Amino acid sequence: MKLFPFVYRMLLLAVLMGAGVAWAADKVDINSADAAQLEQVLVGVGPAKAEAIVEHRKANGPFKSADELALVKGIGLKTIERNRDLITVGGGRAAPAAGKPAKAAPGAAATTPAKPVARR
């Protein structure tokens, strides 16, 4: 009869440990995640802050580190520290700034646009 409580506790412990591992495995790439993913994974980040992260990334290019989240309005150092283990920083490509042409790769031949030919 004493076997049942022991087995029950062991089974419960195994289930809880498995759930903890699955929960802890959730991470989010702040350079590719949409607002819904950011909101779902990050602690203390609701819809407004998640959208602010996405907008900041669109306007300023990809984050180089989790610490750069402090540049987003509404995200403080405590929020970053609370989520540090949940954040990954992928190698997103930075969009060229508005009004500036993209630079050519080193060694690429410079080309000039063809002039339109006047037709008679």
C-alpha atoms as a PDB file:
ATOM      1  CA  MET A   1       0.000   0.000   0.000  1.00  0.00           C
ATOM      2  CA  LYS A   2       2.910   2.363   0.604  1.00  0.00           C
ATOM      3  CA  LEU A   3       4.030   1.795  -2.958  1.00  0.00           C
ATOM      4  CA  PHE A   4       1.175   3.823  -4.471  1.00  0.00           C
ATOM      5  CA  PRO A   5       2.074   7.211  -2.840  1.00  0.00           C
ATOM      6  CA  PHE A   6       5.732   6.730  -3.750  1.00  0.00           C
ATOM      7  CA  VAL A   7       4.930   5.929  -7.403  1.00  0.00           C
ATOM      8  CA  TYR A   8       2.445   8.801  -7.550  1.00  0.00           C
ATOM      9  CA  ARG A   9       5.041  11.288  -6.231  1.00  0.00           C
ATOM     10  CA  MET A  10       7.706  10.041  -8.623  1.00  0.00           C
ATOM     11  CA  LEU A  11       5.326  10.284 -11.563  1.00  0.00           C
ATOM     12  CA  LEU A  12       4.269  13.795 -10.573  1.00  0.00           C
ATOM     13  CA  LEU A  13       7.901  14.842 -10.172  1.00  0.00           C
ATOM     14  CA  ALA A  14       8.769  13.449 -13.608  1.00  0.00           C
ATOM     15  CA  VAL A  15       5.886  15.330 -15.224  1.00  0.00           C
ATOM     16  CA  LEU A  16       6.811  18.591 -13.525  1.00  0.00           C
ATOM     17  CA  MET A  17      10.471  18.252 -14.477  1.00  0.00           C
ATOM     18  CA  GLY A  18       9.538  17.552 -18.089  1.00  0.00           C
ATOM     19  CA  ALA A  19       7.267  20.588 -18.192  1.00  0.00           C
ATOM     20  CA  GLY A  20      10.021  22.753 -16.695  1.00  0.00           C
ATOM     21  CA  VAL A  21      12.501  21.658 -19.337  1.00  0.00           C
ATOM     22  CA  ALA A  22      10.041  22.341 -22.146  1.00  0.00           C
ATOM     23  CA  TRP A  23       9.159  25.740 -20.698  1.00  0.00           C
ATOM     24  CA  ALA A  24      12.793  26.742 -20.191  1.00  0.00           C
ATOM     25  CA  ALA A  25      13.652  25.773 -23.768  1.00  0.00           C
ATOM     26  CA  ASP A  26      11.523  28.596 -25.223  1.00  0.00           C
ATOM     27  CA  LYS A  27      13.826  31.280 -26.560  1.00  0.00           C
ATOM     28  CA  VAL A  28      13.206  34.114 -28.965  1.00  0.00           C
ATOM     29  CA  ASP A  29      15.455  35.757 -31.555  1.00  0.00           C
ATOM     30  CA  ILE A  30      14.928  39.485 -31.112  1.00  0.00           C
ATOM     31  CA  ASN A  31      16.105  40.108 -34.684  1.00  0.00           C
ATOM     32  CA  SER A  32      13.543  37.895 -36.398  1.00  0.00           C
ATOM     33  CA  ALA A  33      10.589  37.408 -34.028  1.00  0.00           C
ATOM     34  CA  ASP A  34       7.308  39.176 -34.616  1.00  0.00           C
ATOM     35  CA  ALA A  35       5.501  41.042 -31.833  1.00  0.00           C
ATOM     36  CA  ALA A  36       3.335  38.037 -30.920  1.00  0.00           C
ATOM     37  CA  GLN A  37       6.380  35.795 -30.403  1.00  0.00           C
ATOM     38  CA  LEU A  38       8.153  38.432 -28.324  1.00  0.00           C
ATOM     39  CA  GLU A  39       5.081  38.925 -26.154  1.00  0.00           C
ATOM     40  CA  GLN A  40       4.609  35.195 -25.667  1.00  0.00           C
ATOM     41  CA  VAL A  41       8.183  34.357 -24.631  1.00  0.00           C
ATOM     42  CA  LEU A  42       9.542  37.429 -22.854  1.00  0.00           C
ATOM     43  CA  VAL A  43       8.587  38.048 -19.222  1.00  0.00           C
ATOM     44  CA  GLY A  44       7.134  41.500 -18.552  1.00  0.00           C
ATOM     45  CA  VAL A  45       6.742  42.306 -22.248  1.00  0.00           C
ATOM     46  CA  GLY A  46       3.173  42.921 -23.353  1.00  0.00           C
ATOM     47  CA  PRO A  47       1.750  43.846 -26.747  1.00  0.00           C
ATOM     48  CA  ALA A  48       2.869  47.496 -26.652  1.00  0.00           C
ATOM     49  CA  LYS A  49       6.479  46.744 -25.677  1.00  0.00           C
ATOM     50  CA  ALA A  50       6.684  43.872 -28.156  1.00  0.00           C
ATOM     51  CA  GLU A  51       5.492  46.159 -30.952  1.00  0.00           C
ATOM     52  CA  ALA A  52       7.986  48.828 -29.831  1.00  0.00           C
ATOM     53  CA  ILE A  53      10.814  46.261 -30.151  1.00  0.00           C
ATOM     54  CA  VAL A  54       9.728  45.386 -33.701  1.00  0.00           C
ATOM     55  CA  GLU A  55       9.390  49.059 -34.692  1.00  0.00           C
ATOM     56  CA  HIS A  56      12.806  49.920 -33.249  1.00  0.00           C
ATOM     57  CA  ARG A  57      14.347  47.023 -35.187  1.00  0.00           C
ATOM     58  CA  LYS A  58      12.696  48.191 -38.422  1.00  0.00           C
ATOM     59  CA  ALA A  59      13.873  51.762 -37.935  1.00  0.00           C
ATOM     60  CA  ASN A  60      17.415  51.062 -36.684  1.00  0.00           C
ATOM     61  CA  GLY A  61      18.381  47.652 -38.019  1.00  0.00           C
ATOM     62  CA  PRO A  62      19.088  44.463 -36.104  1.00  0.00           C
ATOM     63  CA  PHE A  63      20.149  44.336 -32.476  1.00  0.00           C
ATOM     64  CA  LYS A  64      23.792  43.425 -31.866  1.00  0.00           C
ATOM     65  CA  SER A  65      23.159  42.278 -28.293  1.00  0.00           C
ATOM     66  CA  ALA A  66      20.352  41.843 -25.803  1.00  0.00           C
ATOM     67  CA  ASP A  67      21.598  44.955 -24.000  1.00  0.00           C
ATOM     68  CA  GLU A  68      20.545  47.105 -26.971  1.00  0.00           C
ATOM     69  CA  LEU A  69      16.925  46.433 -26.021  1.00  0.00           C
ATOM     70  CA  ALA A  70      17.443  49.205 -23.454  1.00  0.00           C
ATOM     71  CA  LEU A  71      17.285  51.626 -26.393  1.00  0.00           C
ATOM     72  CA  VAL A  72      13.630  50.678 -26.918  1.00  0.00           C
ATOM     73  CA  LYS A  73      11.176  52.921 -25.109  1.00  0.00           C
ATOM     74  CA  GLY A  74       9.610  51.033 -22.217  1.00  0.00           C
ATOM     75  CA  ILE A  75      12.324  48.371 -21.942  1.00  0.00           C
ATOM     76  CA  GLY A  76      14.585  48.751 -18.935  1.00  0.00           C
ATOM     77  CA  LEU A  77      17.633  46.951 -17.645  1.00  0.00           C
ATOM     78  CA  LYS A  78      15.552  44.909 -15.186  1.00  0.00           C
ATOM     79  CA  THR A  79      13.433  43.556 -18.036  1.00  0.00           C
ATOM     80  CA  ILE A  80      16.547  42.663 -20.000  1.00  0.00           C
ATOM     81  CA  GLU A  81      18.132  40.882 -17.022  1.00  0.00           C
ATOM     82  CA  ARG A  82      14.909  38.998 -16.298  1.00  0.00           C
ATOM     83  CA  ASN A  83      14.845  37.734 -19.898  1.00  0.00           C
ATOM     84  CA  ARG A  84      18.550  37.343 -20.705  1.00  0.00           C
ATOM     85  CA  ASP A  85      18.346  33.534 -20.835  1.00  0.00           C
ATOM     86  CA  LEU A  86      15.320  33.711 -23.148  1.00  0.00           C
ATOM     87  CA  ILE A  87      16.880  36.079 -25.700  1.00  0.00           C
ATOM     88  CA  THR A  88      18.944  35.106 -28.708  1.00  0.00           C
ATOM     89  CA  VAL A  89      20.446  37.575 -31.158  1.00  0.00           C
ATOM     90  CA  GLY A  90      20.432  36.255 -34.700  1.00  0.00           C
ATOM     91  CA  GLY A  91      22.402  37.791 -37.523  1.00  0.00           C
ATOM     92  CA  GLY A  92      19.629  39.790 -39.145  1.00  0.00           C
ATOM     93  CA  ARG A  93      20.596  42.031 -42.012  1.00  0.00           C
ATOM     94  CA  ALA A  94      20.459  45.731 -41.484  1.00  0.00           C
ATOM     95  CA  ALA A  95      18.389  47.676 -43.949  1.00  0.00           C
ATOM     96  CA  PRO A  96      20.173  50.671 -45.461  1.00  0.00           C
ATOM     97  CA  ALA A  97      19.203  53.971 -43.886  1.00  0.00           C
ATOM     98  CA  ALA A  98      16.610  55.999 -45.736  1.00  0.00           C
ATOM     99  CA  GLY A  99      18.130  58.323 -48.287  1.00  0.00           C
ATOM    100  CA  LYS A 100      21.469  56.538 -48.398  1.00  0.00           C
ATOM    101  CA  PRO A 101      22.293  54.203 -51.265  1.00  0.00           C
ATOM    102  CA  ALA A 102      23.618  50.774 -50.387  1.00  0.00           C
ATOM    103  CA  LYS A 103      27.389  50.469 -50.719  1.00  0.00           C
ATOM    104  CA  ALA A 104      28.801  48.139 -53.346  1.00  0.00           C
ATOM    105  CA  ALA A 105      30.793  45.137 -52.236  1.00  0.00           C
ATOM    106  CA  PRO A 106      34.558  45.671 -52.205  1.00  0.00           C
ATOM    107  CA  GLY A 107      36.084  44.806 -55.561  1.00  0.00           C
ATOM    108  CA  ALA A 108      32.790  45.153 -57.425  1.00  0.00           C
ATOM    109  CA  ALA A 109      32.976  47.061 -60.668  1.00  0.00           C
ATOM    110  CA  ALA A 110      31.351  50.462 -60.616  1.00  0.00           C
ATOM    111  CA  THR A 111      28.584  50.839 -63.135  1.00  0.00           C
ATOM    112  CA  THR A 112      26.797  53.892 -64.366  1.00  0.00           C
ATOM    113  CA  PRO A 113      23.193  53.802 -65.476  1.00  0.00           C
ATOM    114  CA  ALA A 114      22.696  53.756 -69.233  1.00  0.00           C
ATOM    115  CA  LYS A 115      21.540  57.024 -70.770  1.00  0.00           C
ATOM    116  CA  PRO A 116      18.205  56.880 -72.527  1.00  0.00           C
ATOM    117  CA  VAL A 117      18.468  56.880 -76.294  1.00  0.00           C
ATOM    118  CA  ALA A 118      16.496  59.618 -78.018  1.00  0.00           C
ATOM    119  CA  ARG A 119      14.225  58.182 -80.673  1.00  0.00           C
ATOM    120  CA  ARG A 120      13.263  60.167 -83.729  1.00  0.00           C
END
